[in-house]
Amino acid sequence: MDRMDEIDDRTAAEAFRRLVSHLRHRTDAQNVDLMGLAGFCRNCLGDWVAEAGGTSREQGREAIYGMPYAEWKARHNGDATPEQLERMADSVKRNA
């Protein structure tokens, strides 16, 4: 049995909320860097929320960002370097 199955929903929800709060605080952690390291980012979390809740991707992402994605992107997103994009592409390949 996977130990993850032993975590009750209340605990899992609180841990998820702390993760989202942390990512909202750490705007210096760019999505492209998260993708390059772990193969997922804030957009992925928002999309997963949307899938699980039966809402639109925009609604799911707004739940994660705390504002519309376009607004967050304008405030906090920088241009990705070729190196960041290469790391991200290599990392995403491992998600399959």
PDB file of N, CA and C in Angstrom:
ATOM      1  N   MET A   1       0.841  -1.186   0.000  1.00  0.00           N
ATOM      2  CA  MET A   1       0.000   0.000   0.000  1.00  0.00           C
ATOM      3  C   MET A   1       0.885   1.248   0.000  1.00  0.00           C
ATOM      4  N   ASP A   2       0.497   2.207  -0.774  1.00  0.00           N
ATOM      5  CA  ASP A   2       1.203   3.481  -0.850  1.00  0.00           C
ATOM      6  C   ASP A   2       0.897   4.300   0.404  1.00  0.00           C
ATOM      7  N   ARG A   3       1.906   4.754   1.087  1.00  0.00           N
ATOM      8  CA  ARG A   3       1.709   5.549   2.312  1.00  0.00           C
ATOM      9  C   ARG A   3       0.893   6.817   2.030  1.00  0.00           C
ATOM     10  N   MET A   4       0.916   7.303   0.800  1.00  0.00           N
ATOM     11  CA  MET A   4       0.141   8.475   0.433  1.00  0.00           C
ATOM     12  C   MET A   4      -1.352   8.235   0.696  1.00  0.00           C
ATOM     13  N   ASP A   5      -1.798   6.988   0.499  1.00  0.00           N
ATOM     14  CA  ASP A   5      -3.196   6.636   0.723  1.00  0.00           C
ATOM     15  C   ASP A   5      -3.588   6.728   2.198  1.00  0.00           C
ATOM     16  N   GLU A   6      -2.620   6.775   3.080  1.00  0.00           N
ATOM     17  CA  GLU A   6      -2.893   6.846   4.510  1.00  0.00           C
ATOM     18  C   GLU A   6      -3.101   8.283   4.999  1.00  0.00           C
ATOM     19  N   ILE A   7      -2.792   9.256   4.161  1.00  0.00           N
ATOM     20  CA  ILE A   7      -2.965  10.658   4.548  1.00  0.00           C
ATOM     21  C   ILE A   7      -4.437  11.017   4.374  1.00  0.00           C
ATOM     22  N   ASP A   8      -5.053  11.496   5.448  1.00  0.00           N
ATOM     23  CA  ASP A   8      -6.466  11.852   5.350  1.00  0.00           C
ATOM     24  C   ASP A   8      -6.625  13.128   4.521  1.00  0.00           C
ATOM     25  N   ASP A   9      -7.820  13.325   4.003  1.00  0.00           N
ATOM     26  CA  ASP A   9      -8.083  14.445   3.097  1.00  0.00           C
ATOM     27  C   ASP A   9      -7.850  15.798   3.757  1.00  0.00           C
ATOM     28  N   ARG A  10      -8.179  15.943   5.025  1.00  0.00           N
ATOM     29  CA  ARG A  10      -7.985  17.217   5.712  1.00  0.00           C
ATOM     30  C   ARG A  10      -6.502  17.566   5.773  1.00  0.00           C
ATOM     31  N   THR A  11      -5.682  16.595   6.093  1.00  0.00           N
ATOM     32  CA  THR A  11      -4.237  16.807   6.160  1.00  0.00           C
ATOM     33  C   THR A  11      -3.671  17.105   4.781  1.00  0.00           C
ATOM     34  N   ALA A  12      -4.104  16.354   3.790  1.00  0.00           N
ATOM     35  CA  ALA A  12      -3.631  16.577   2.425  1.00  0.00           C
ATOM     36  C   ALA A  12      -4.026  17.967   1.937  1.00  0.00           C
ATOM     37  N   ALA A  13      -5.247  18.382   2.246  1.00  0.00           N
ATOM     38  CA  ALA A  13      -5.711  19.710   1.820  1.00  0.00           C
ATOM     39  C   ALA A  13      -4.893  20.805   2.495  1.00  0.00           C
ATOM     40  N   GLU A  14      -4.590  20.647   3.763  1.00  0.00           N
ATOM     41  CA  GLU A  14      -3.793  21.663   4.465  1.00  0.00           C
ATOM     42  C   GLU A  14      -2.377  21.734   3.897  1.00  0.00           C
ATOM     43  N   ALA A  15      -1.787  20.590   3.610  1.00  0.00           N
ATOM     44  CA  ALA A  15      -0.444  20.579   3.018  1.00  0.00           C
ATOM     45  C   ALA A  15      -0.464  21.231   1.636  1.00  0.00           C
ATOM     46  N   PHE A  16      -1.491  20.955   0.853  1.00  0.00           N
ATOM     47  CA  PHE A  16      -1.629  21.561  -0.468  1.00  0.00           C
ATOM     48  C   PHE A  16      -1.761  23.078  -0.350  1.00  0.00           C
ATOM     49  N   ARG A  17      -2.576  23.548   0.585  1.00  0.00           N
ATOM     50  CA  ARG A  17      -2.744  24.992   0.777  1.00  0.00           C
ATOM     51  C   ARG A  17      -1.426  25.646   1.187  1.00  0.00           C
ATOM     52  N   ARG A  18      -0.647  24.967   2.005  1.00  0.00           N
ATOM     53  CA  ARG A  18       0.666  25.513   2.393  1.00  0.00           C
ATOM     54  C   ARG A  18       1.602  25.578   1.192  1.00  0.00           C
ATOM     55  N   LEU A  19       1.565  24.560   0.337  1.00  0.00           N
ATOM     56  CA  LEU A  19       2.373  24.583  -0.884  1.00  0.00           C
ATOM     57  C   LEU A  19       1.979  25.759  -1.760  1.00  0.00           C
ATOM     58  N   VAL A  20       0.691  25.956  -1.966  1.00  0.00           N
ATOM     59  CA  VAL A  20       0.215  27.065  -2.801  1.00  0.00           C
ATOM     60  C   VAL A  20       0.621  28.393  -2.177  1.00  0.00           C
ATOM     61  N   SER A  21       0.462  28.538  -0.873  1.00  0.00           N
ATOM     62  CA  SER A  21       0.863  29.770  -0.186  1.00  0.00           C
ATOM     63  C   SER A  21       2.357  30.032  -0.369  1.00  0.00           C
ATOM     64  N   HIS A  22       3.142  28.991  -0.254  1.00  0.00           N
ATOM     65  CA  HIS A  22       4.594  29.115  -0.430  1.00  0.00           C
ATOM     66  C   HIS A  22       4.925  29.570  -1.853  1.00  0.00           C
ATOM     67  N   LEU A  23       4.281  28.970  -2.845  1.00  0.00           N
ATOM     68  CA  LEU A  23       4.546  29.350  -4.230  1.00  0.00           C
ATOM     69  C   LEU A  23       4.081  30.768  -4.530  1.00  0.00           C
ATOM     70  N   ARG A  24       3.002  31.204  -3.885  1.00  0.00           N
ATOM     71  CA  ARG A  24       2.567  32.595  -4.058  1.00  0.00           C
ATOM     72  C   ARG A  24       3.590  33.553  -3.477  1.00  0.00           C
ATOM     73  N   HIS A  25       4.183  33.177  -2.356  1.00  0.00           N
ATOM     74  CA  HIS A  25       5.194  34.023  -1.708  1.00  0.00           C
ATOM     75  C   HIS A  25       6.489  34.060  -2.515  1.00  0.00           C
ATOM     76  N   ARG A  26       6.885  32.918  -3.066  1.00  0.00           N
ATOM     77  CA  ARG A  26       8.161  32.807  -3.768  1.00  0.00           C
ATOM     78  C   ARG A  26       8.000  33.108  -5.252  1.00  0.00           C
ATOM     79  N   THR A  27       7.648  34.339  -5.544  1.00  0.00           N
ATOM     80  CA  THR A  27       7.486  34.741  -6.945  1.00  0.00           C
ATOM     81  C   THR A  27       8.815  34.725  -7.696  1.00  0.00           C
ATOM     82  N   ASP A  28       9.924  34.687  -6.950  1.00  0.00           N
ATOM     83  CA  ASP A  28      11.233  34.598  -7.597  1.00  0.00           C
ATOM     84  C   ASP A  28      11.468  33.217  -8.206  1.00  0.00           C
ATOM     85  N   ALA A  29      10.743  32.214  -7.747  1.00  0.00           N
ATOM     86  CA  ALA A  29      10.847  30.870  -8.318  1.00  0.00           C
ATOM     87  C   ALA A  29       9.988  30.842  -9.574  1.00  0.00           C
ATOM     88  N   GLN A  30      10.619  31.004 -10.708  1.00  0.00           N
ATOM     89  CA  GLN A  30       9.923  31.077 -11.982  1.00  0.00           C
ATOM     90  C   GLN A  30       9.369  29.703 -12.373  1.00  0.00           C
ATOM     91  N   ASN A  31       8.243  29.717 -13.060  1.00  0.00           N
ATOM     92  CA  ASN A  31       7.653  28.456 -13.520  1.00  0.00           C
ATOM     93  C   ASN A  31       8.625  27.657 -14.379  1.00  0.00           C
ATOM     94  N   VAL A  32       9.370  28.330 -15.238  1.00  0.00           N
ATOM     95  CA  VAL A  32      10.306  27.620 -16.107  1.00  0.00           C
ATOM     96  C   VAL A  32      11.368  26.903 -15.269  1.00  0.00           C
ATOM     97  N   ASP A  33      11.761  27.478 -14.140  1.00  0.00           N
ATOM     98  CA  ASP A  33      12.731  26.820 -13.260  1.00  0.00           C
ATOM     99  C   ASP A  33      12.101  25.629 -12.546  1.00  0.00           C
ATOM    100  N   LEU A  34      10.854  25.795 -12.084  1.00  0.00           N
ATOM    101  CA  LEU A  34      10.146  24.672 -11.467  1.00  0.00           C
ATOM    102  C   LEU A  34       9.999  23.527 -12.459  1.00  0.00           C
ATOM    103  N   MET A  35       9.643  23.862 -13.689  1.00  0.00           N
ATOM    104  CA  MET A  35       9.508  22.838 -14.730  1.00  0.00           C
ATOM    105  C   MET A  35      10.851  22.168 -15.013  1.00  0.00           C
ATOM    106  N   GLY A  36      11.909  22.964 -15.042  1.00  0.00           N
ATOM    107  CA  GLY A  36      13.233  22.427 -15.323  1.00  0.00           C
ATOM    108  C   GLY A  36      13.741  21.506 -14.243  1.00  0.00           C
ATOM    109  N   LEU A  37      13.334  21.753 -13.019  1.00  0.00           N
ATOM    110  CA  LEU A  37      13.790  20.931 -11.896  1.00  0.00           C
ATOM    111  C   LEU A  37      12.866  19.755 -11.622  1.00  0.00           C
ATOM    112  N   ALA A  38      11.570  20.020 -11.584  1.00  0.00           N
ATOM    113  CA  ALA A  38      10.633  19.011 -11.119  1.00  0.00           C
ATOM    114  C   ALA A  38       9.616  18.553 -12.162  1.00  0.00           C
ATOM    115  N   GLY A  39       9.573  19.207 -13.308  1.00  0.00           N
ATOM    116  CA  GLY A  39       8.642  18.795 -14.347  1.00  0.00           C
ATOM    117  C   GLY A  39       7.209  19.217 -14.102  1.00  0.00           C
ATOM    118  N   PHE A  40       7.000  20.153 -13.186  1.00  0.00           N
ATOM    119  CA  PHE A  40       5.672  20.726 -12.972  1.00  0.00           C
ATOM    120  C   PHE A  40       5.837  22.141 -12.447  1.00  0.00           C
ATOM    121  N   CYS A  41       4.765  22.934 -12.562  1.00  0.00           N
ATOM    122  CA  CYS A  41       4.819  24.313 -12.097  1.00  0.00           C
ATOM    123  C   CYS A  41       3.451  24.752 -11.588  1.00  0.00           C
ATOM    124  N   ARG A  42       3.318  26.016 -11.318  1.00  0.00           N
ATOM    125  CA  ARG A  42       2.049  26.551 -10.844  1.00  0.00           C
ATOM    126  C   ARG A  42       0.920  26.284 -11.835  1.00  0.00           C
ATOM    127  N   ASN A  43       1.207  26.423 -13.127  1.00  0.00           N
ATOM    128  CA  ASN A  43       0.177  26.152 -14.129  1.00  0.00           C
ATOM    129  C   ASN A  43      -0.302  24.709 -14.048  1.00  0.00           C
ATOM    130  N   CYS A  44       0.617  23.796 -13.857  1.00  0.00           N
ATOM    131  CA  CYS A  44       0.240  22.387 -13.717  1.00  0.00           C
ATOM    132  C   CYS A  44      -0.685  22.204 -12.524  1.00  0.00           C
ATOM    133  N   LEU A  45      -0.321  22.794 -11.385  1.00  0.00           N
ATOM    134  CA  LEU A  45      -1.177  22.686 -10.201  1.00  0.00           C
ATOM    135  C   LEU A  45      -2.564  23.241 -10.489  1.00  0.00           C
ATOM    136  N   GLY A  46      -2.618  24.391 -11.149  1.00  0.00           N
ATOM    137  CA  GLY A  46      -3.903  24.981 -11.499  1.00  0.00           C
ATOM    138  C   GLY A  46      -4.710  24.089 -12.426  1.00  0.00           C
ATOM    139  N   ASP A  47      -4.046  23.483 -13.377  1.00  0.00           N
ATOM    140  CA  ASP A  47      -4.731  22.577 -14.304  1.00  0.00           C
ATOM    141  C   ASP A  47      -5.242  21.342 -13.572  1.00  0.00           C
ATOM    142  N   TRP A  48      -4.452  20.823 -12.623  1.00  0.00           N
ATOM    143  CA  TRP A  48      -4.889  19.668 -11.843  1.00  0.00           C
ATOM    144  C   TRP A  48      -6.088  20.018 -10.969  1.00  0.00           C
ATOM    145  N   VAL A  49      -6.077  21.218 -10.393  1.00  0.00           N
ATOM    146  CA  VAL A  49      -7.217  21.683  -9.602  1.00  0.00           C
ATOM    147  C   VAL A  49      -8.450  21.767 -10.496  1.00  0.00           C
ATOM    148  N   ALA A  50      -8.287  22.313 -11.686  1.00  0.00           N
ATOM    149  CA  ALA A  50      -9.414  22.434 -12.616  1.00  0.00           C
ATOM    150  C   ALA A  50      -9.972  21.062 -12.985  1.00  0.00           C
ATOM    151  N   GLU A  51      -9.086  20.117 -13.303  1.00  0.00           N
ATOM    152  CA  GLU A  51      -9.526  18.763 -13.652  1.00  0.00           C
ATOM    153  C   GLU A  51     -10.274  18.117 -12.494  1.00  0.00           C
ATOM    154  N   ALA A  52      -9.706  18.221 -11.297  1.00  0.00           N
ATOM    155  CA  ALA A  52     -10.314  17.581 -10.131  1.00  0.00           C
ATOM    156  C   ALA A  52     -11.643  18.220  -9.752  1.00  0.00           C
ATOM    157  N   GLY A  53     -11.750  19.522  -9.961  1.00  0.00           N
ATOM    158  CA  GLY A  53     -12.947  20.235  -9.556  1.00  0.00           C
ATOM    159  C   GLY A  53     -13.954  20.475 -10.653  1.00  0.00           C
ATOM    160  N   GLY A  54     -13.631  20.063 -11.878  1.00  0.00           N
ATOM    161  CA  GLY A  54     -14.544  20.249 -12.985  1.00  0.00           C
ATOM    162  C   GLY A  54     -14.732  21.707 -13.377  1.00  0.00           C
ATOM    163  N   THR A  55     -13.665  22.501 -13.233  1.00  0.00           N
ATOM    164  CA  THR A  55     -13.735  23.911 -13.609  1.00  0.00           C
ATOM    165  C   THR A  55     -12.819  24.171 -14.800  1.00  0.00           C
ATOM    166  N   SER A  56     -12.777  25.398 -15.250  1.00  0.00           N
ATOM    167  CA  SER A  56     -11.910  25.750 -16.379  1.00  0.00           C
ATOM    168  C   SER A  56     -10.462  25.862 -15.919  1.00  0.00           C
ATOM    169  N   ARG A  57      -9.554  25.773 -16.868  1.00  0.00           N
ATOM    170  CA  ARG A  57      -8.130  25.950 -16.564  1.00  0.00           C
ATOM    171  C   ARG A  57      -7.884  27.332 -15.980  1.00  0.00           C
ATOM    172  N   GLU A  58      -8.567  28.342 -16.516  1.00  0.00           N
ATOM    173  CA  GLU A  58      -8.388  29.705 -16.015  1.00  0.00           C
ATOM    174  C   GLU A  58      -8.786  29.802 -14.546  1.00  0.00           C
ATOM    175  N   GLN A  59      -9.901  29.159 -14.179  1.00  0.00           N
ATOM    176  CA  GLN A  59     -10.342  29.176 -12.789  1.00  0.00           C
ATOM    177  C   GLN A  59      -9.371  28.413 -11.890  1.00  0.00           C
ATOM    178  N   GLY A  60      -8.895  27.287 -12.374  1.00  0.00           N
ATOM    179  CA  GLY A  60      -7.937  26.512 -11.598  1.00  0.00           C
ATOM    180  C   GLY A  60      -6.647  27.275 -11.365  1.00  0.00           C
ATOM    181  N   ARG A  61      -6.169  27.935 -12.409  1.00  0.00           N
ATOM    182  CA  ARG A  61      -4.920  28.697 -12.280  1.00  0.00           C
ATOM    183  C   ARG A  61      -5.112  29.910 -11.375  1.00  0.00           C
ATOM    184  N   GLU A  62      -6.264  30.554 -11.460  1.00  0.00           N
ATOM    185  CA  GLU A  62      -6.517  31.699 -10.583  1.00  0.00           C
ATOM    186  C   GLU A  62      -6.553  31.253  -9.119  1.00  0.00           C
ATOM    187  N   ALA A  63      -7.047  30.048  -8.871  1.00  0.00           N
ATOM    188  CA  ALA A  63      -7.044  29.520  -7.504  1.00  0.00           C
ATOM    189  C   ALA A  63      -5.616  29.356  -6.987  1.00  0.00           C
ATOM    190  N   ILE A  64      -4.698  28.991  -7.853  1.00  0.00           N
ATOM    191  CA  ILE A  64      -3.303  28.801  -7.453  1.00  0.00           C
ATOM    192  C   ILE A  64      -2.573  30.138  -7.349  1.00  0.00           C
ATOM    193  N   TYR A  65      -2.730  31.000  -8.323  1.00  0.00           N
ATOM    194  CA  TYR A  65      -2.006  32.273  -8.347  1.00  0.00           C
ATOM    195  C   TYR A  65      -2.594  33.321  -7.412  1.00  0.00           C
ATOM    196  N   GLY A  66      -3.884  33.189  -7.072  1.00  0.00           N
ATOM    197  CA  GLY A  66      -4.537  34.200  -6.255  1.00  0.00           C
ATOM    198  C   GLY A  66      -4.939  35.425  -7.053  1.00  0.00           C
ATOM    199  N   MET A  67      -4.861  35.317  -8.356  1.00  0.00           N
ATOM    200  CA  MET A  67      -5.219  36.392  -9.287  1.00  0.00           C
ATOM    201  C   MET A  67      -5.237  35.773 -10.675  1.00  0.00           C
ATOM    202  N   PRO A  68      -5.793  36.451 -11.657  1.00  0.00           N
ATOM    203  CA  PRO A  68      -5.736  35.902 -13.009  1.00  0.00           C
ATOM    204  C   PRO A  68      -4.279  35.669 -13.441  1.00  0.00           C
ATOM    205  N   TYR A  69      -4.059  34.576 -14.154  1.00  0.00           N
ATOM    206  CA  TYR A  69      -2.708  34.220 -14.571  1.00  0.00           C
ATOM    207  C   TYR A  69      -2.031  35.345 -15.346  1.00  0.00           C
ATOM    208  N   ALA A  70      -2.756  35.994 -16.234  1.00  0.00           N
ATOM    209  CA  ALA A  70      -2.166  37.077 -17.037  1.00  0.00           C
ATOM    210  C   ALA A  70      -1.641  38.194 -16.143  1.00  0.00           C
ATOM    211  N   GLU A  71      -2.356  38.487 -15.073  1.00  0.00           N
ATOM    212  CA  GLU A  71      -1.909  39.520 -14.141  1.00  0.00           C
ATOM    213  C   GLU A  71      -0.641  39.085 -13.412  1.00  0.00           C
ATOM    214  N   TRP A  72      -0.633  37.835 -12.931  1.00  0.00           N
ATOM    215  CA  TRP A  72       0.557  37.327 -12.237  1.00  0.00           C
ATOM    216  C   TRP A  72       1.760  37.343 -13.173  1.00  0.00           C
ATOM    217  N   LYS A  73       1.539  36.897 -14.401  1.00  0.00           N
ATOM    218  CA  LYS A  73       2.618  36.835 -15.384  1.00  0.00           C
ATOM    219  C   LYS A  73       3.188  38.229 -15.645  1.00  0.00           C
ATOM    220  N   ALA A  74       2.330  39.225 -15.782  1.00  0.00           N
ATOM    221  CA  ALA A  74       2.794  40.592 -16.025  1.00  0.00           C
ATOM    222  C   ALA A  74       3.581  41.132 -14.840  1.00  0.00           C
ATOM    223  N   ARG A  75       3.201  40.757 -13.639  1.00  0.00           N
ATOM    224  CA  ARG A  75       3.878  41.248 -12.431  1.00  0.00           C
ATOM    225  C   ARG A  75       5.191  40.524 -12.135  1.00  0.00           C
ATOM    226  N   HIS A  76       5.212  39.208 -12.369  1.00  0.00           N
ATOM    227  CA  HIS A  76       6.306  38.403 -11.816  1.00  0.00           C
ATOM    228  C   HIS A  76       7.117  37.585 -12.815  1.00  0.00           C
ATOM    229  N   ASN A  77       6.621  37.375 -14.011  1.00  0.00           N
ATOM    230  CA  ASN A  77       7.292  36.460 -14.925  1.00  0.00           C
ATOM    231  C   ASN A  77       8.334  37.186 -15.755  1.00  0.00           C
ATOM    232  N   GLY A  78       9.538  36.656 -15.773  1.00  0.00           N
ATOM    233  CA  GLY A  78      10.593  37.188 -16.622  1.00  0.00           C
ATOM    234  C   GLY A  78      10.723  36.359 -17.883  1.00  0.00           C
ATOM    235  N   ASP A  79      11.544  36.823 -18.786  1.00  0.00           N
ATOM    236  CA  ASP A  79      11.804  36.067 -20.014  1.00  0.00           C
ATOM    237  C   ASP A  79      12.717  34.891 -19.693  1.00  0.00           C
ATOM    238  N   ALA A  80      12.377  33.735 -20.215  1.00  0.00           N
ATOM    239  CA  ALA A  80      13.181  32.536 -19.998  1.00  0.00           C
ATOM    240  C   ALA A  80      14.428  32.582 -20.869  1.00  0.00           C
ATOM    241  N   THR A  81      15.524  32.116 -20.310  1.00  0.00           N
ATOM    242  CA  THR A  81      16.767  32.019 -21.071  1.00  0.00           C
ATOM    243  C   THR A  81      16.755  30.721 -21.890  1.00  0.00           C
ATOM    244  N   PRO A  82      17.588  30.640 -22.903  1.00  0.00           N
ATOM    245  CA  PRO A  82      17.681  29.388 -23.655  1.00  0.00           C
ATOM    246  C   PRO A  82      18.055  28.202 -22.749  1.00  0.00           C
ATOM    247  N   GLU A  83      18.898  28.444 -21.757  1.00  0.00           N
ATOM    248  CA  GLU A  83      19.296  27.379 -20.839  1.00  0.00           C
ATOM    249  C   GLU A  83      18.110  26.886 -20.015  1.00  0.00           C
ATOM    250  N   GLN A  84      17.295  27.826 -19.527  1.00  0.00           N
ATOM    251  CA  GLN A  84      16.111  27.441 -18.756  1.00  0.00           C
ATOM    252  C   GLN A  84      15.155  26.620 -19.620  1.00  0.00           C
ATOM    253  N   LEU A  85      14.954  27.056 -20.841  1.00  0.00           N
ATOM    254  CA  LEU A  85      14.051  26.345 -21.742  1.00  0.00           C
ATOM    255  C   LEU A  85      14.575  24.944 -22.062  1.00  0.00           C
ATOM    256  N   GLU A  86      15.879  24.811 -22.202  1.00  0.00           N
ATOM    257  CA  GLU A  86      16.473  23.495 -22.469  1.00  0.00           C
ATOM    258  C   GLU A  86      16.297  22.566 -21.271  1.00  0.00           C
ATOM    259  N   ARG A  87      16.564  23.078 -20.056  1.00  0.00           N
ATOM    260  CA  ARG A  87      16.364  22.277 -18.841  1.00  0.00           C
ATOM    261  C   ARG A  87      14.906  21.847 -18.718  1.00  0.00           C
ATOM    262  N   MET A  88      13.998  22.774 -19.005  1.00  0.00           N
ATOM    263  CA  MET A  88      12.582  22.461 -18.920  1.00  0.00           C
ATOM    264  C   MET A  88      12.220  21.358 -19.917  1.00  0.00           C
ATOM    265  N   ALA A  89      12.664  21.472 -21.143  1.00  0.00           N
ATOM    266  CA  ALA A  89      12.353  20.463 -22.162  1.00  0.00           C
ATOM    267  C   ALA A  89      12.887  19.093 -21.756  1.00  0.00           C
ATOM    268  N   ASP A  90      14.118  19.056 -21.244  1.00  0.00           N
ATOM    269  CA  ASP A  90      14.703  17.787 -20.801  1.00  0.00           C
ATOM    270  C   ASP A  90      13.912  17.208 -19.628  1.00  0.00           C
ATOM    271  N   SER A  91      13.515  18.049 -18.709  1.00  0.00           N
ATOM    272  CA  SER A  91      12.774  17.600 -17.535  1.00  0.00           C
ATOM    273  C   SER A  91      11.398  17.080 -17.908  1.00  0.00           C
ATOM    274  N   VAL A  92      10.693  17.795 -18.778  1.00  0.00           N
ATOM    275  CA  VAL A  92       9.338  17.400 -19.165  1.00  0.00           C
ATOM    276  C   VAL A  92       9.344  16.039 -19.857  1.00  0.00           C
ATOM    277  N   LYS A  93      10.414  15.725 -20.577  1.00  0.00           N
ATOM    278  CA  LYS A  93      10.524  14.414 -21.237  1.00  0.00           C
ATOM    279  C   LYS A  93      10.417  13.289 -20.217  1.00  0.00           C
ATOM    280  N   ARG A  94      10.878  13.525 -18.997  1.00  0.00           N
ATOM    281  CA  ARG A  94      10.847  12.491 -17.956  1.00  0.00           C
ATOM    282  C   ARG A  94       9.453  12.269 -17.388  1.00  0.00           C
ATOM    283  N   ASN A  95       8.505  13.166 -17.719  1.00  0.00           N
ATOM    284  CA  ASN A  95       7.144  13.040 -17.188  1.00  0.00           C
ATOM    285  C   ASN A  95       6.330  11.945 -17.878  1.00  0.00           C
ATOM    286  N   ALA A  96       6.780  11.529 -19.033  1.00  0.00           N
ATOM    287  CA  ALA A  96       6.006  10.546 -19.812  1.00  0.00           C
ATOM    288  C   ALA A  96       5.989   9.184 -19.144  1.00  0.00           C
TER     289      ALA A  96
END
